[in-house]
Amino acid sequence: MKLQNRSEIVLYVSLAIASVLVVGCLVSDKDIYYTGIEDGTLKQIKPGETTRDWLLSMLGEPTEQSQTEEGTEILRYKCTKKQDNKFVLFPIIVSKEEKETEYTIVFEVKDGIVQRYRKES
């Protein structure tokens, strides 16, 4: 009878150790960094209402500036979104992924008012 209890104890302890080793510790982390215009700022811009002066005060000088034959001013802002993903399943797997996306936000301004804007990849 004692031998059976001892076997059960060894079995339960072995299962507990195995489950800790299999499950381990899971850690996941995601960091996002922006250079340029963030989505929250873009949401504040209303075509037909937002002025060029407001745009420049919020975003600074554009990366590029040009003018069409019709007199529409084109303002380009180059932006970068960098995303760092880290995944650790201790003690087995460690993964790190870095992803960088570059894009340009283009504003069309006529008579000092933003007419429209778009995102170019």
Protein backbone atom coordinates (compact mmCIF):
# COMPACT_ATOMS: atom_id res chain seq x y z
CA MET A 1 0.00 0.00 0.00
CA LYS A 2 2.80 2.45 0.87
CA LEU A 3 4.54 1.67 -2.41
CA GLN A 4 1.40 2.62 -4.34
CA ASN A 5 1.15 5.98 -2.50
CA ARG A 6 4.81 6.67 -3.16
CA SER A 7 4.28 5.89 -6.88
CA GLU A 8 1.34 8.27 -7.00
CA ILE A 9 3.38 11.02 -5.35
CA VAL A 10 6.25 10.52 -7.83
CA LEU A 11 3.74 10.56 -10.69
CA TYR A 12 2.12 13.82 -9.52
CA VAL A 13 5.48 15.51 -8.92
CA SER A 14 6.70 14.38 -12.36
CA LEU A 15 3.54 15.73 -14.00
CA ALA A 16 3.94 19.05 -12.19
CA ILE A 17 7.57 19.41 -13.29
CA ALA A 18 6.73 18.42 -16.86
CA SER A 19 3.87 20.92 -17.05
CA VAL A 20 6.13 23.75 -15.83
CA LEU A 21 8.75 22.85 -18.43
CA VAL A 22 6.22 22.55 -21.24
CA VAL A 23 4.21 25.67 -20.40
CA GLY A 24 7.17 27.74 -19.29
CA CYS A 25 6.87 31.48 -19.16
CA LEU A 26 5.35 33.42 -22.05
CA VAL A 27 6.44 37.03 -22.59
CA SER A 28 5.33 39.12 -25.55
CA ASP A 29 6.10 42.79 -26.11
CA LYS A 30 5.34 45.18 -28.97
CA ASP A 31 6.86 48.66 -29.26
CA ILE A 32 5.77 51.09 -31.99
CA TYR A 33 7.69 54.27 -32.81
CA TYR A 34 6.62 56.99 -35.25
CA THR A 35 8.61 59.68 -36.96
CA GLY A 36 6.34 62.00 -38.83
CA ILE A 37 2.57 62.28 -38.57
CA GLU A 38 0.60 60.04 -36.23
CA ASP A 39 -2.96 58.88 -36.94
CA GLY A 40 -4.38 61.00 -34.09
CA THR A 41 -3.05 64.16 -35.71
CA LEU A 42 -4.41 63.17 -39.13
CA LYS A 43 -7.88 62.74 -37.64
CA GLN A 44 -7.84 66.42 -36.61
CA ILE A 45 -7.39 67.59 -40.21
CA LYS A 46 -10.66 68.41 -41.97
CA PRO A 47 -10.47 68.96 -45.74
CA GLY A 48 -12.14 72.22 -46.73
CA GLU A 49 -11.66 73.67 -43.21
CA THR A 50 -8.09 73.16 -41.97
CA THR A 51 -5.75 75.99 -42.90
CA ARG A 52 -2.23 75.74 -44.26
CA ASP A 53 -0.96 77.77 -41.29
CA TRP A 54 -2.49 75.32 -38.80
CA LEU A 55 -0.99 72.42 -40.74
CA LEU A 56 2.50 73.96 -40.63
CA SER A 57 2.21 74.84 -36.94
CA MET A 58 1.22 71.24 -36.07
CA LEU A 59 3.48 69.33 -38.48
CA GLY A 60 6.35 71.70 -39.16
CA GLU A 61 7.90 72.27 -42.56
CA PRO A 62 7.17 69.58 -45.16
CA THR A 63 9.84 67.27 -46.52
CA GLU A 64 8.95 68.37 -50.07
CA GLN A 65 6.89 71.22 -51.47
CA SER A 66 5.69 71.90 -55.01
CA GLN A 67 2.94 73.68 -56.91
CA THR A 68 0.70 72.53 -59.77
CA GLU A 69 -0.12 74.65 -62.83
CA GLU A 70 -3.60 75.20 -61.37
CA GLY A 71 -2.10 76.83 -58.26
CA THR A 72 -2.60 73.92 -55.86
CA GLU A 73 0.23 73.60 -53.39
CA ILE A 74 1.46 70.04 -52.71
CA LEU A 75 3.03 69.42 -49.30
CA ARG A 76 4.73 66.05 -48.71
CA TYR A 77 5.71 64.69 -45.28
CA LYS A 78 7.87 61.55 -45.18
CA CYS A 79 7.04 59.32 -42.23
CA THR A 80 8.42 56.13 -40.69
CA LYS A 81 6.70 53.59 -38.49
CA LYS A 82 9.05 51.20 -36.68
CA GLN A 83 7.62 48.19 -34.88
CA ASP A 84 9.65 45.93 -32.57
CA ASN A 85 8.04 42.62 -31.62
CA LYS A 86 9.58 40.39 -28.96
CA PHE A 87 8.31 36.92 -28.09
CA VAL A 88 9.82 34.66 -25.44
CA LEU A 89 8.57 31.23 -24.41
CA PHE A 90 11.07 30.46 -21.67
CA PRO A 91 13.17 28.37 -21.76
CA ILE A 92 12.68 27.29 -25.38
CA ILE A 93 11.88 30.00 -27.93
CA VAL A 94 13.15 33.56 -28.27
CA SER A 95 12.04 35.61 -31.27
CA LYS A 96 12.62 39.24 -32.14
CA GLU A 97 11.22 40.93 -35.23
CA GLU A 98 11.81 44.49 -36.36
CA LYS A 99 9.65 45.97 -39.07
CA GLU A 100 10.06 49.43 -40.55
CA THR A 101 7.51 50.99 -42.90
CA GLU A 102 8.09 54.23 -44.78
CA TYR A 103 5.26 56.25 -46.24
CA THR A 104 4.43 59.78 -47.32
CA ILE A 105 1.42 61.91 -46.39
CA VAL A 106 0.54 64.28 -49.26
CA PHE A 107 -1.58 67.38 -48.65
CA GLU A 108 -3.19 69.41 -51.41
CA VAL A 109 -3.66 73.06 -50.38
CA LYS A 110 -5.58 75.63 -52.43
CA ASP A 111 -6.06 79.25 -51.34
CA GLY A 112 -4.57 78.46 -47.92
CA ILE A 113 -7.05 75.63 -47.15
CA VAL A 114 -6.32 71.88 -47.14
CA GLN A 115 -8.47 70.41 -49.92
CA ARG A 116 -7.55 66.76 -49.37
CA TYR A 117 -4.78 64.49 -48.20
CA ARG A 118 -3.68 60.94 -48.87
CA LYS A 119 -1.17 58.38 -47.72
CA GLU A 120 1.32 57.02 -50.26
CA SER A 121 3.37 53.91 -49.57
